[in-house]
Structures are given as structure tokens and as C-alpha cells.
Amino acid sequence: MRTGGSVLRGTKTGLEFVFTEETFDEAVSEFAERLEERPGFYRGSRATAHFVDVVPSGEALGRFLESVRGWGIELSGVYGEESLSELALFYGLEYLGTPPKPAVANLERKRAARSRREVELTDRARSLDADFEGARNEIALRRKRGEESVRRPDFTPPSGKTAAPAPVVIVEAPPAPATLYHRGTVRGGQSLQQLGNIVIAGDVNPGAELVASGDILVFGALRGTAHAGAQGDAAARVFALELVPTQLRIATFIAADETDRQPQKPEVAFVKDEGIAIAFCSNGMIRA
């Protein structure tokens, strides 16, 4: 995050507030505006302040500390000229010495690159750059006067009547059903329940129970109890490579155990004609 010539960046050790070209008060004001865009995101962070060619007054540094603490950020130390050491001690901060060379070197390289770009600019580009600079200066003046950075358009009707605000319609999308994936055998006495679908990669032994508001898929033998569409969804289905349940339910429909059934292919159970029908699956198709 860059504010003018100053930078707010995250490192392995925490946040770094780097003050460089613009005045200290302007940089603090812009840092506050940036932090306000994501309130709570930086809460609990530790930070250091790097003063490169900038020496704040004691009062200004105090305002900065109060500002960052308001966002839940704790300043642990400062880098800068040696004259900052007494000021840091006054506010209970650790004086960390001159700014680390990589930070200073990076800033110098960026300044040099910026200078080179200015030399290479065309007349049209220089004109645009001047326009942007003028706009930035105007925004800074508005902020100092307590005005908004950008003037908002006036949508008041010409007649002077207040236009009724357009109604805002919020449509909440229904949440997609979740899927419980279980790998391994579901043994007798175990019960798996899910608001959504259940997928089992393994066998379901007699005495085990599966209850889902959506579909149930068993990549193995289903020999226990299965209840799909438990919240009344009659379109739910039960799939299994070997479908021999002790009890099968779909919504409010119940099918009893058929001890003489010997399924030879993957099968699917579904509601049809006010009862539960079973069909085998072949090449992705359901066949009665």
C-alpha cells in the first residue's frame, strides 16, 4: 500500500510504516484513510515506523501512535536519525537505529526510476502527468478543509422536489447443499447424518445408519439403513454398487428388506408411483 512517497507494507515480522517525501501529517492522514477501508483487518498486528529523511515532532508522533492504536495496531519501535532516540524513549518505544539499507535502497531505486521516466515522457505524457499532479494537490487541499476528496454529483430534481429513493431489492441465493464424504467402512452402530448429500467410499454394514436431506451414494455394499431426502425431498435418490439395505427410506416412503435380492450391477433407488422403485445403472443410464 503506497501513500504518496510513503509506504505501508507487510513483512515477516509485522507491518512497516515508511515515511519518506511528503509531510508527516499528510502521510498519517492518508494511512488512516487506507486503514479505514479494511477495518479490523490489521487488528492485533505489531508494527515499526521507518523515518527516511523525515523527523516528526513529539506531538505529531503522539498523534500517529494514538491513530494506529485505534486500529488495533501496536507500534513496537522506530527507525530513523539518532535524534529520534529520545523521542522514542519518551513514548516507550524501542529506538532501532537508522532505517535498514534494503528499505532505503529500494526507495532510492524507485526515485531514480521515477526520474528516468520523467526524462523519457513525451509532451502529451508530461501534460497528463501535470494534470494528475494538479488533481492530487486539489484533493489534498479539500481534505485539509474537511471536504470530501471528490465532489459528488447533485441528483436533486430541477423542480426542487425530493426524489424518492429507488427501492433496493436484496435476493438471497439459497445455499448449495453440502456433501459429507466418508472413506472406509461404516460399521454397525455408527450413524452418519448430513444436511445435504452423503458419499461413502466403502461398505455400509448391517446396523449402520445413513441419513441425508439429499442423495446417498455408496461406492460399495449398502447393507445398513439408508434414509435419503430426510427433510421431505421425494426427488432424492440412493445409489450403491451393491444395494441390499436392511431398510430403505426416501422422504416419507419406506421399502422393507428383500432377503432374496441378489443385485448383479450398481443400482439406484428412487420414488415412483407412490412407492420406492429400484433400477440398475448401465453406462451412466438408469434401466428398469
C-alpha atoms as a PDB file:
ATOM      1  CA  MET A   1       0.000   0.000   0.000  1.00  0.00           C
ATOM      2  CA  ARG A   2       1.504   3.335  -1.100  1.00  0.00           C
ATOM      3  CA  THR A   3       0.506   6.811   0.038  1.00  0.00           C
ATOM      4  CA  GLY A   4       2.367   9.492  -1.914  1.00  0.00           C
ATOM      5  CA  GLY A   5       6.066   8.869  -1.186  1.00  0.00           C
ATOM      6  CA  SER A   6       5.314   6.835   1.949  1.00  0.00           C
ATOM      7  CA  VAL A   7       4.554   3.129   2.134  1.00  0.00           C
ATOM      8  CA  LEU A   8       2.585   0.749   4.397  1.00  0.00           C
ATOM      9  CA  ARG A   9       3.720  -2.815   3.812  1.00  0.00           C
ATOM     10  CA  GLY A  10       3.576  -6.196   5.497  1.00  0.00           C
ATOM     11  CA  THR A  11       6.701  -8.222   6.252  1.00  0.00           C
ATOM     12  CA  LYS A  12       7.506 -11.489   8.046  1.00  0.00           C
ATOM     13  CA  THR A  13       7.978  -9.570  11.300  1.00  0.00           C
ATOM     14  CA  GLY A  14       4.884  -7.337  11.006  1.00  0.00           C
ATOM     15  CA  LEU A  15       3.773  -4.075   9.418  1.00  0.00           C
ATOM     16  CA  GLU A  16       6.119  -1.282   8.386  1.00  0.00           C
ATOM     17  CA  PHE A  17       5.088   2.373   8.123  1.00  0.00           C
ATOM     18  CA  VAL A  18       7.733   4.011   5.902  1.00  0.00           C
ATOM     19  CA  PHE A  19       7.708   7.836   5.861  1.00  0.00           C
ATOM     20  CA  THR A  20       9.676   9.496   3.072  1.00  0.00           C
ATOM     21  CA  GLU A  21       8.857  12.506   0.909  1.00  0.00           C
ATOM     22  CA  GLU A  22       5.537  14.091   1.892  1.00  0.00           C
ATOM     23  CA  THR A  23       4.907  15.837   5.184  1.00  0.00           C
ATOM     24  CA  PHE A  24       4.377  13.642   8.215  1.00  0.00           C
ATOM     25  CA  ASP A  25       0.821  14.838   8.908  1.00  0.00           C
ATOM     26  CA  GLU A  26      -0.289  14.208   5.304  1.00  0.00           C
ATOM     27  CA  ALA A  27       1.145  10.690   5.378  1.00  0.00           C
ATOM     28  CA  VAL A  28      -0.567   9.905   8.708  1.00  0.00           C
ATOM     29  CA  SER A  29      -3.889  11.169   7.333  1.00  0.00           C
ATOM     30  CA  GLU A  30      -3.610   9.010   4.207  1.00  0.00           C
ATOM     31  CA  PHE A  31      -2.536   5.950   6.226  1.00  0.00           C
ATOM     32  CA  ALA A  32      -5.682   6.386   8.350  1.00  0.00           C
ATOM     33  CA  GLU A  33      -7.885   6.557   5.236  1.00  0.00           C
ATOM     34  CA  ARG A  34      -6.327   3.403   3.848  1.00  0.00           C
ATOM     35  CA  LEU A  35      -6.727   1.506   7.119  1.00  0.00           C
ATOM     36  CA  GLU A  36     -10.361   2.592   7.288  1.00  0.00           C
ATOM     37  CA  GLU A  37     -11.031   0.799   4.002  1.00  0.00           C
ATOM     38  CA  ARG A  38     -10.424  -2.557   5.757  1.00  0.00           C
ATOM     39  CA  PRO A  39     -11.376  -2.042   9.423  1.00  0.00           C
ATOM     40  CA  GLY A  40     -10.280  -4.893  11.659  1.00  0.00           C
ATOM     41  CA  PHE A  41      -8.000  -6.490   9.031  1.00  0.00           C
ATOM     42  CA  TYR A  42      -4.796  -5.298  10.731  1.00  0.00           C
ATOM     43  CA  ARG A  43      -6.086  -5.588  14.321  1.00  0.00           C
ATOM     44  CA  GLY A  44      -3.575  -7.312  16.603  1.00  0.00           C
ATOM     45  CA  SER A  45      -0.609  -6.567  14.298  1.00  0.00           C
ATOM     46  CA  ARG A  46       2.753  -5.301  15.508  1.00  0.00           C
ATOM     47  CA  ALA A  47       4.468  -2.604  13.502  1.00  0.00           C
ATOM     48  CA  THR A  48       7.567  -0.440  13.202  1.00  0.00           C
ATOM     49  CA  ALA A  49       7.910   3.079  11.803  1.00  0.00           C
ATOM     50  CA  HIS A  50      10.728   3.946   9.371  1.00  0.00           C
ATOM     51  CA  PHE A  51      11.535   7.653   9.049  1.00  0.00           C
ATOM     52  CA  VAL A  52      13.618   8.224   5.900  1.00  0.00           C
ATOM     53  CA  ASP A  53      14.588  11.905   5.575  1.00  0.00           C
ATOM     54  CA  VAL A  54      11.662  12.737   7.893  1.00  0.00           C
ATOM     55  CA  VAL A  55      11.843  13.725  11.599  1.00  0.00           C
ATOM     56  CA  PRO A  56       8.406  14.099  13.242  1.00  0.00           C
ATOM     57  CA  SER A  57       7.760  16.370  16.194  1.00  0.00           C
ATOM     58  CA  GLY A  58       6.884  14.832  19.550  1.00  0.00           C
ATOM     59  CA  GLU A  59       3.269  15.959  19.226  1.00  0.00           C
ATOM     60  CA  ALA A  60       2.968  14.572  15.705  1.00  0.00           C
ATOM     61  CA  LEU A  61       4.422  11.208  16.721  1.00  0.00           C
ATOM     62  CA  GLY A  62       1.961  11.053  19.617  1.00  0.00           C
ATOM     63  CA  ARG A  63      -0.972  11.600  17.267  1.00  0.00           C
ATOM     64  CA  PHE A  64       0.338   8.863  14.983  1.00  0.00           C
ATOM     65  CA  LEU A  65       0.626   6.388  17.889  1.00  0.00           C
ATOM     66  CA  GLU A  66      -2.906   7.185  19.001  1.00  0.00           C
ATOM     67  CA  SER A  67      -4.161   6.737  15.448  1.00  0.00           C
ATOM     68  CA  VAL A  68      -2.628   3.280  14.853  1.00  0.00           C
ATOM     69  CA  ARG A  69      -3.707   2.050  18.297  1.00  0.00           C
ATOM     70  CA  GLY A  70      -7.240   2.993  17.341  1.00  0.00           C
ATOM     71  CA  TRP A  71      -6.969   0.374  14.581  1.00  0.00           C
ATOM     72  CA  GLY A  72      -5.622  -2.264  16.989  1.00  0.00           C
ATOM     73  CA  ILE A  73      -2.004  -1.919  15.763  1.00  0.00           C
ATOM     74  CA  GLU A  74       0.795  -1.740  18.337  1.00  0.00           C
ATOM     75  CA  LEU A  75       3.958   0.175  17.353  1.00  0.00           C
ATOM     76  CA  SER A  76       6.975  -1.547  18.887  1.00  0.00           C
ATOM     77  CA  GLY A  77       9.875   0.566  17.614  1.00  0.00           C
ATOM     78  CA  VAL A  78      11.115   3.265  15.250  1.00  0.00           C
ATOM     79  CA  TYR A  79      13.944   3.619  12.740  1.00  0.00           C
ATOM     80  CA  GLY A  80      15.391   6.997  11.879  1.00  0.00           C
ATOM     81  CA  GLU A  81      18.028   9.566  12.750  1.00  0.00           C
ATOM     82  CA  GLU A  82      19.685   9.313  16.150  1.00  0.00           C
ATOM     83  CA  SER A  83      17.779  12.391  17.304  1.00  0.00           C
ATOM     84  CA  LEU A  84      14.666  10.159  17.387  1.00  0.00           C
ATOM     85  CA  SER A  85      16.063   8.009  20.195  1.00  0.00           C
ATOM     86  CA  GLU A  86      14.984  10.348  22.999  1.00  0.00           C
ATOM     87  CA  LEU A  87      11.557  10.812  21.431  1.00  0.00           C
ATOM     88  CA  ALA A  88      11.121   7.043  21.152  1.00  0.00           C
ATOM     89  CA  LEU A  89      12.117   6.600  24.808  1.00  0.00           C
ATOM     90  CA  PHE A  90       9.563   9.246  25.838  1.00  0.00           C
ATOM     91  CA  TYR A  91       6.746   7.243  24.207  1.00  0.00           C
ATOM     92  CA  GLY A  92       8.021   3.878  25.463  1.00  0.00           C
ATOM     93  CA  LEU A  93       9.201   2.737  22.038  1.00  0.00           C
ATOM     94  CA  GLU A  94      12.426   0.987  21.136  1.00  0.00           C
ATOM     95  CA  TYR A  95      14.845   3.010  19.009  1.00  0.00           C
ATOM     96  CA  LEU A  96      16.015   0.577  16.314  1.00  0.00           C
ATOM     97  CA  GLY A  97      18.670   2.735  14.647  1.00  0.00           C
ATOM     98  CA  THR A  98      18.869   4.019  11.093  1.00  0.00           C
ATOM     99  CA  PRO A  99      16.451   2.502   8.540  1.00  0.00           C
ATOM    100  CA  PRO A 100      17.632  -0.860   7.138  1.00  0.00           C
ATOM    101  CA  LYS A 101      19.633  -0.492   3.933  1.00  0.00           C
ATOM    102  CA  PRO A 102      17.290  -2.608   1.754  1.00  0.00           C
ATOM    103  CA  ALA A 103      14.375  -0.304   2.534  1.00  0.00           C
ATOM    104  CA  VAL A 104      16.403   2.830   1.827  1.00  0.00           C
ATOM    105  CA  ALA A 105      17.977   1.308  -1.285  1.00  0.00           C
ATOM    106  CA  ASN A 106      14.598   0.286  -2.671  1.00  0.00           C
ATOM    107  CA  LEU A 107      13.245   3.780  -2.156  1.00  0.00           C
ATOM    108  CA  GLU A 108      16.275   5.337  -3.825  1.00  0.00           C
ATOM    109  CA  ARG A 109      15.964   2.989  -6.812  1.00  0.00           C
ATOM    110  CA  LYS A 110      12.286   3.871  -7.170  1.00  0.00           C
ATOM    111  CA  ARG A 111      13.103   7.572  -7.014  1.00  0.00           C
ATOM    112  CA  ALA A 112      15.799   7.131  -9.677  1.00  0.00           C
ATOM    113  CA  ALA A 113      13.441   5.108 -11.880  1.00  0.00           C
ATOM    114  CA  ARG A 114      10.798   7.781 -11.478  1.00  0.00           C
ATOM    115  CA  SER A 115      13.335  10.421 -12.553  1.00  0.00           C
ATOM    116  CA  ARG A 116      14.285   8.390 -15.619  1.00  0.00           C
ATOM    117  CA  ARG A 117      10.618   8.018 -16.585  1.00  0.00           C
ATOM    118  CA  GLU A 118      10.163  11.779 -16.312  1.00  0.00           C
ATOM    119  CA  VAL A 119      13.034  12.300 -18.763  1.00  0.00           C
ATOM    120  CA  GLU A 120      11.532   9.845 -21.254  1.00  0.00           C
ATOM    121  CA  LEU A 121       7.996  11.302 -21.144  1.00  0.00           C
ATOM    122  CA  THR A 122       6.530  12.759 -24.315  1.00  0.00           C
ATOM    123  CA  ASP A 123       4.976  16.243 -24.359  1.00  0.00           C
ATOM    124  CA  ARG A 124       1.497  14.686 -24.151  1.00  0.00           C
ATOM    125  CA  ALA A 125       2.516  12.451 -21.249  1.00  0.00           C
ATOM    126  CA  ARG A 126       4.065  15.402 -19.413  1.00  0.00           C
ATOM    127  CA  SER A 127       0.807  17.271 -19.832  1.00  0.00           C
ATOM    128  CA  LEU A 128      -1.175  14.356 -18.407  1.00  0.00           C
ATOM    129  CA  ASP A 129       1.309  13.979 -15.536  1.00  0.00           C
ATOM    130  CA  ALA A 130       0.851  17.659 -14.706  1.00  0.00           C
ATOM    131  CA  ASP A 131      -2.929  17.220 -14.789  1.00  0.00           C
ATOM    132  CA  PHE A 132      -2.730  14.285 -12.363  1.00  0.00           C
ATOM    133  CA  GLU A 133      -0.405  16.239 -10.084  1.00  0.00           C
ATOM    134  CA  GLY A 134      -2.869  19.145 -10.064  1.00  0.00           C
ATOM    135  CA  ALA A 135      -5.726  16.776  -9.224  1.00  0.00           C
ATOM    136  CA  ARG A 136      -3.751  15.251  -6.346  1.00  0.00           C
ATOM    137  CA  ASN A 137      -2.959  18.705  -4.962  1.00  0.00           C
ATOM    138  CA  GLU A 138      -6.627  19.707  -5.180  1.00  0.00           C
ATOM    139  CA  ILE A 139      -7.685  16.556  -3.318  1.00  0.00           C
ATOM    140  CA  ALA A 140      -5.114  17.246  -0.590  1.00  0.00           C
ATOM    141  CA  LEU A 141      -6.455  20.807  -0.173  1.00  0.00           C
ATOM    142  CA  ARG A 142     -10.028  19.530   0.126  1.00  0.00           C
ATOM    143  CA  ARG A 143      -9.007  17.080   2.808  1.00  0.00           C
ATOM    144  CA  LYS A 144      -7.320  19.848   4.795  1.00  0.00           C
ATOM    145  CA  ARG A 145     -10.539  21.889   4.610  1.00  0.00           C
ATOM    146  CA  GLY A 146     -12.531  18.886   5.835  1.00  0.00           C
ATOM    147  CA  GLU A 147     -14.279  18.420   2.497  1.00  0.00           C
ATOM    148  CA  GLU A 148     -14.818  15.220   0.532  1.00  0.00           C
ATOM    149  CA  SER A 149     -11.935  14.184  -1.730  1.00  0.00           C
ATOM    150  CA  VAL A 150     -14.211  14.110  -4.787  1.00  0.00           C
ATOM    151  CA  ARG A 151     -17.317  16.234  -5.225  1.00  0.00           C
ATOM    152  CA  ARG A 152     -20.430  14.139  -5.529  1.00  0.00           C
ATOM    153  CA  PRO A 153     -22.923  14.911  -8.328  1.00  0.00           C
ATOM    154  CA  ASP A 154     -26.202  16.573  -7.348  1.00  0.00           C
ATOM    155  CA  PHE A 155     -29.166  14.459  -8.401  1.00  0.00           C
ATOM    156  CA  THR A 156     -31.841  16.799  -6.984  1.00  0.00           C
ATOM    157  CA  PRO A 157     -34.742  17.137  -9.493  1.00  0.00           C
ATOM    158  CA  PRO A 158     -34.963  20.566 -11.182  1.00  0.00           C
ATOM    159  CA  SER A 159     -38.404  21.205  -9.659  1.00  0.00           C
ATOM    160  CA  GLY A 160     -36.899  21.116  -6.185  1.00  0.00           C
ATOM    161  CA  LYS A 161     -38.923  18.058  -5.216  1.00  0.00           C
ATOM    162  CA  THR A 162     -37.088  15.339  -3.394  1.00  0.00           C
ATOM    163  CA  ALA A 163     -36.865  12.233  -5.499  1.00  0.00           C
ATOM    164  CA  ALA A 164     -37.974   9.063  -3.752  1.00  0.00           C
ATOM    165  CA  PRO A 165     -35.067   6.658  -3.372  1.00  0.00           C
ATOM    166  CA  ALA A 166     -35.265   3.633  -5.587  1.00  0.00           C
ATOM    167  CA  PRO A 167     -36.185   0.516  -3.614  1.00  0.00           C
ATOM    168  CA  VAL A 168     -33.322  -1.863  -3.042  1.00  0.00           C
ATOM    169  CA  VAL A 169     -34.252  -5.488  -3.562  1.00  0.00           C
ATOM    170  CA  ILE A 170     -31.934  -7.983  -1.938  1.00  0.00           C
ATOM    171  CA  VAL A 171     -32.299 -11.543  -3.161  1.00  0.00           C
ATOM    172  CA  GLU A 172     -30.531 -14.094  -1.026  1.00  0.00           C
ATOM    173  CA  ALA A 173     -29.347 -17.088  -3.013  1.00  0.00           C
ATOM    174  CA  PRO A 174     -30.172 -20.408  -1.336  1.00  0.00           C
ATOM    175  CA  PRO A 175     -27.059 -22.160  -0.018  1.00  0.00           C
ATOM    176  CA  ALA A 176     -25.867 -25.102  -2.067  1.00  0.00           C
ATOM    177  CA  PRO A 177     -26.266 -28.461  -0.296  1.00  0.00           C
ATOM    178  CA  ALA A 178     -23.085 -29.666   1.371  1.00  0.00           C
ATOM    179  CA  THR A 179     -21.681 -33.148   0.838  1.00  0.00           C
ATOM    180  CA  LEU A 180     -20.281 -35.421   3.542  1.00  0.00           C
ATOM    181  CA  TYR A 181     -17.529 -37.657   2.162  1.00  0.00           C
ATOM    182  CA  HIS A 182     -16.584 -40.721   4.224  1.00  0.00           C
ATOM    183  CA  ARG A 183     -13.806 -43.096   3.183  1.00  0.00           C
ATOM    184  CA  GLY A 184     -13.872 -46.529   4.806  1.00  0.00           C
ATOM    185  CA  THR A 185     -16.396 -48.981   6.193  1.00  0.00           C
ATOM    186  CA  VAL A 186     -19.349 -47.674   8.194  1.00  0.00           C
ATOM    187  CA  ARG A 187     -19.720 -50.307  10.894  1.00  0.00           C
ATOM    188  CA  GLY A 188     -22.789 -51.466  12.781  1.00  0.00           C
ATOM    189  CA  GLY A 189     -23.842 -48.962  15.424  1.00  0.00           C
ATOM    190  CA  GLN A 190     -22.394 -45.976  13.530  1.00  0.00           C
ATOM    191  CA  SER A 191     -24.699 -43.213  12.259  1.00  0.00           C
ATOM    192  CA  LEU A 192     -23.830 -40.535   9.677  1.00  0.00           C
ATOM    193  CA  GLN A 193     -26.243 -37.601   9.284  1.00  0.00           C
ATOM    194  CA  GLN A 194     -25.902 -34.690   6.848  1.00  0.00           C
ATOM    195  CA  LEU A 195     -27.866 -31.646   5.660  1.00  0.00           C
ATOM    196  CA  GLY A 196     -27.027 -32.337   2.026  1.00  0.00           C
ATOM    197  CA  ASN A 197     -25.578 -35.408   0.359  1.00  0.00           C
ATOM    198  CA  ILE A 198     -23.590 -38.358   1.741  1.00  0.00           C
ATOM    199  CA  VAL A 199     -20.891 -40.163  -0.267  1.00  0.00           C
ATOM    200  CA  ILE A 200     -19.359 -43.357   1.142  1.00  0.00           C
ATOM    201  CA  ALA A 201     -16.227 -44.881  -0.395  1.00  0.00           C
ATOM    202  CA  GLY A 202     -16.576 -48.271   1.253  1.00  0.00           C
ATOM    203  CA  ASP A 203     -19.209 -50.643   2.635  1.00  0.00           C
ATOM    204  CA  VAL A 204     -22.100 -49.872   4.982  1.00  0.00           C
ATOM    205  CA  ASN A 205     -22.554 -52.851   7.328  1.00  0.00           C
ATOM    206  CA  PRO A 206     -25.833 -54.056   8.866  1.00  0.00           C
ATOM    207  CA  GLY A 207     -26.741 -51.957  11.902  1.00  0.00           C
ATOM    208  CA  ALA A 208     -25.173 -48.780  10.424  1.00  0.00           C
ATOM    209  CA  GLU A 209     -27.353 -45.790   9.535  1.00  0.00           C
ATOM    210  CA  LEU A 210     -27.101 -43.070   6.850  1.00  0.00           C
ATOM    211  CA  VAL A 211     -29.477 -40.084   6.979  1.00  0.00           C
ATOM    212  CA  ALA A 212     -29.221 -37.260   4.392  1.00  0.00           C
ATOM    213  CA  SER A 213     -31.516 -34.464   3.261  1.00  0.00           C
ATOM    214  CA  GLY A 214     -30.169 -35.035  -0.271  1.00  0.00           C
ATOM    215  CA  ASP A 215     -28.819 -38.085  -2.127  1.00  0.00           C
ATOM    216  CA  ILE A 216     -26.852 -41.036  -0.738  1.00  0.00           C
ATOM    217  CA  LEU A 217     -24.113 -42.647  -2.830  1.00  0.00           C
ATOM    218  CA  VAL A 218     -22.264 -45.779  -1.665  1.00  0.00           C
ATOM    219  CA  PHE A 219     -19.260 -46.993  -3.644  1.00  0.00           C
ATOM    220  CA  GLY A 220     -19.525 -50.413  -2.062  1.00  0.00           C
ATOM    221  CA  ALA A 221     -22.209 -52.600  -0.462  1.00  0.00           C
ATOM    222  CA  LEU A 222     -25.117 -50.880   1.289  1.00  0.00           C
ATOM    223  CA  ARG A 223     -26.360 -53.395   3.876  1.00  0.00           C
ATOM    224  CA  GLY A 224     -27.459 -50.990   6.632  1.00  0.00           C
ATOM    225  CA  THR A 225     -30.257 -48.407   6.870  1.00  0.00           C
ATOM    226  CA  ALA A 226     -30.365 -45.527   4.381  1.00  0.00           C
ATOM    227  CA  HIS A 227     -32.736 -42.531   4.511  1.00  0.00           C
ATOM    228  CA  ALA A 228     -32.380 -40.036   1.632  1.00  0.00           C
ATOM    229  CA  GLY A 229     -34.458 -36.858   1.276  1.00  0.00           C
ATOM    230  CA  ALA A 230     -34.943 -36.909   5.050  1.00  0.00           C
ATOM    231  CA  GLN A 231     -36.481 -33.412   5.029  1.00  0.00           C
ATOM    232  CA  GLY A 232     -39.168 -34.399   2.541  1.00  0.00           C
ATOM    233  CA  ASP A 233     -37.303 -34.313  -0.799  1.00  0.00           C
ATOM    234  CA  ALA A 234     -39.005 -37.063  -2.793  1.00  0.00           C
ATOM    235  CA  ALA A 235     -36.617 -36.440  -5.712  1.00  0.00           C
ATOM    236  CA  ALA A 236     -33.662 -37.731  -3.667  1.00  0.00           C
ATOM    237  CA  ARG A 237     -32.032 -40.998  -4.692  1.00  0.00           C
ATOM    238  CA  VAL A 238     -29.914 -43.780  -3.196  1.00  0.00           C
ATOM    239  CA  PHE A 239     -27.088 -45.236  -5.310  1.00  0.00           C
ATOM    240  CA  ALA A 240     -24.954 -48.269  -4.402  1.00  0.00           C
ATOM    241  CA  LEU A 241     -22.694 -50.767  -6.145  1.00  0.00           C
ATOM    242  CA  GLU A 242     -24.492 -53.463  -4.136  1.00  0.00           C
ATOM    243  CA  LEU A 243     -27.907 -52.294  -2.921  1.00  0.00           C
ATOM    244  CA  VAL A 244     -29.108 -54.702  -0.188  1.00  0.00           C
ATOM    245  CA  PRO A 245     -30.228 -52.406   2.681  1.00  0.00           C
ATOM    246  CA  THR A 246     -31.973 -53.648   5.812  1.00  0.00           C
ATOM    247  CA  GLN A 247     -34.255 -50.625   5.475  1.00  0.00           C
ATOM    248  CA  LEU A 248     -34.523 -48.021   2.716  1.00  0.00           C
ATOM    249  CA  ARG A 249     -36.306 -44.671   3.027  1.00  0.00           C
ATOM    250  CA  ILE A 250     -36.762 -41.777   0.611  1.00  0.00           C
ATOM    251  CA  ALA A 251     -38.655 -38.796   2.035  1.00  0.00           C
ATOM    252  CA  THR A 252     -41.760 -40.395   3.639  1.00  0.00           C
ATOM    253  CA  PHE A 253     -41.605 -43.619   1.611  1.00  0.00           C
ATOM    254  CA  ILE A 254     -40.249 -46.837   3.148  1.00  0.00           C
ATOM    255  CA  ALA A 255     -39.084 -50.059   1.496  1.00  0.00           C
ATOM    256  CA  ALA A 256     -38.604 -53.210   3.558  1.00  0.00           C
ATOM    257  CA  ASP A 257     -35.721 -55.655   3.211  1.00  0.00           C
ATOM    258  CA  GLU A 258     -35.907 -58.200   0.416  1.00  0.00           C
ATOM    259  CA  THR A 259     -33.713 -61.045   1.592  1.00  0.00           C
ATOM    260  CA  ASP A 260     -33.835 -62.867  -1.736  1.00  0.00           C
ATOM    261  CA  ARG A 261     -32.436 -59.932  -3.759  1.00  0.00           C
ATOM    262  CA  GLN A 262     -29.072 -60.635  -5.373  1.00  0.00           C
ATOM    263  CA  PRO A 263     -28.009 -57.438  -7.204  1.00  0.00           C
ATOM    264  CA  GLN A 264     -25.542 -58.053 -10.002  1.00  0.00           C
ATOM    265  CA  LYS A 265     -24.962 -54.436 -11.036  1.00  0.00           C
ATOM    266  CA  PRO A 266     -24.882 -50.958  -9.474  1.00  0.00           C
ATOM    267  CA  GLU A 267     -28.427 -49.911  -8.631  1.00  0.00           C
ATOM    268  CA  VAL A 268     -30.373 -46.772  -7.763  1.00  0.00           C
ATOM    269  CA  ALA A 269     -33.492 -46.403  -5.635  1.00  0.00           C
ATOM    270  CA  PHE A 270     -35.976 -43.591  -6.283  1.00  0.00           C
ATOM    271  CA  VAL A 271     -39.636 -42.700  -5.745  1.00  0.00           C
ATOM    272  CA  LYS A 272     -42.034 -43.760  -8.481  1.00  0.00           C
ATOM    273  CA  ASP A 273     -45.826 -44.227  -8.443  1.00  0.00           C
ATOM    274  CA  GLU A 274     -46.116 -43.550  -4.698  1.00  0.00           C
ATOM    275  CA  GLY A 275     -43.503 -46.135  -3.855  1.00  0.00           C
ATOM    276  CA  ILE A 276     -39.774 -46.850  -3.995  1.00  0.00           C
ATOM    277  CA  ALA A 277     -38.517 -48.342  -7.253  1.00  0.00           C
ATOM    278  CA  ILE A 278     -35.082 -49.879  -7.871  1.00  0.00           C
ATOM    279  CA  ALA A 279     -33.305 -49.911 -11.224  1.00  0.00           C
ATOM    280  CA  PHE A 280     -29.796 -50.889 -12.296  1.00  0.00           C
ATOM    281  CA  CYS A 281     -27.299 -48.458 -13.814  1.00  0.00           C
ATOM    282  CA  SER A 282     -25.519 -49.242 -17.066  1.00  0.00           C
ATOM    283  CA  ASN A 283     -23.159 -46.893 -18.961  1.00  0.00           C
ATOM    284  CA  GLY A 284     -24.399 -43.916 -16.944  1.00  0.00           C
ATOM    285  CA  MET A 285     -28.068 -44.753 -17.755  1.00  0.00           C
ATOM    286  CA  ILE A 286     -30.760 -45.937 -15.341  1.00  0.00           C
ATOM    287  CA  ARG A 287     -32.557 -49.039 -16.613  1.00  0.00           C
ATOM    288  CA  ALA A 288     -35.622 -50.638 -15.010  1.00  0.00           C
END
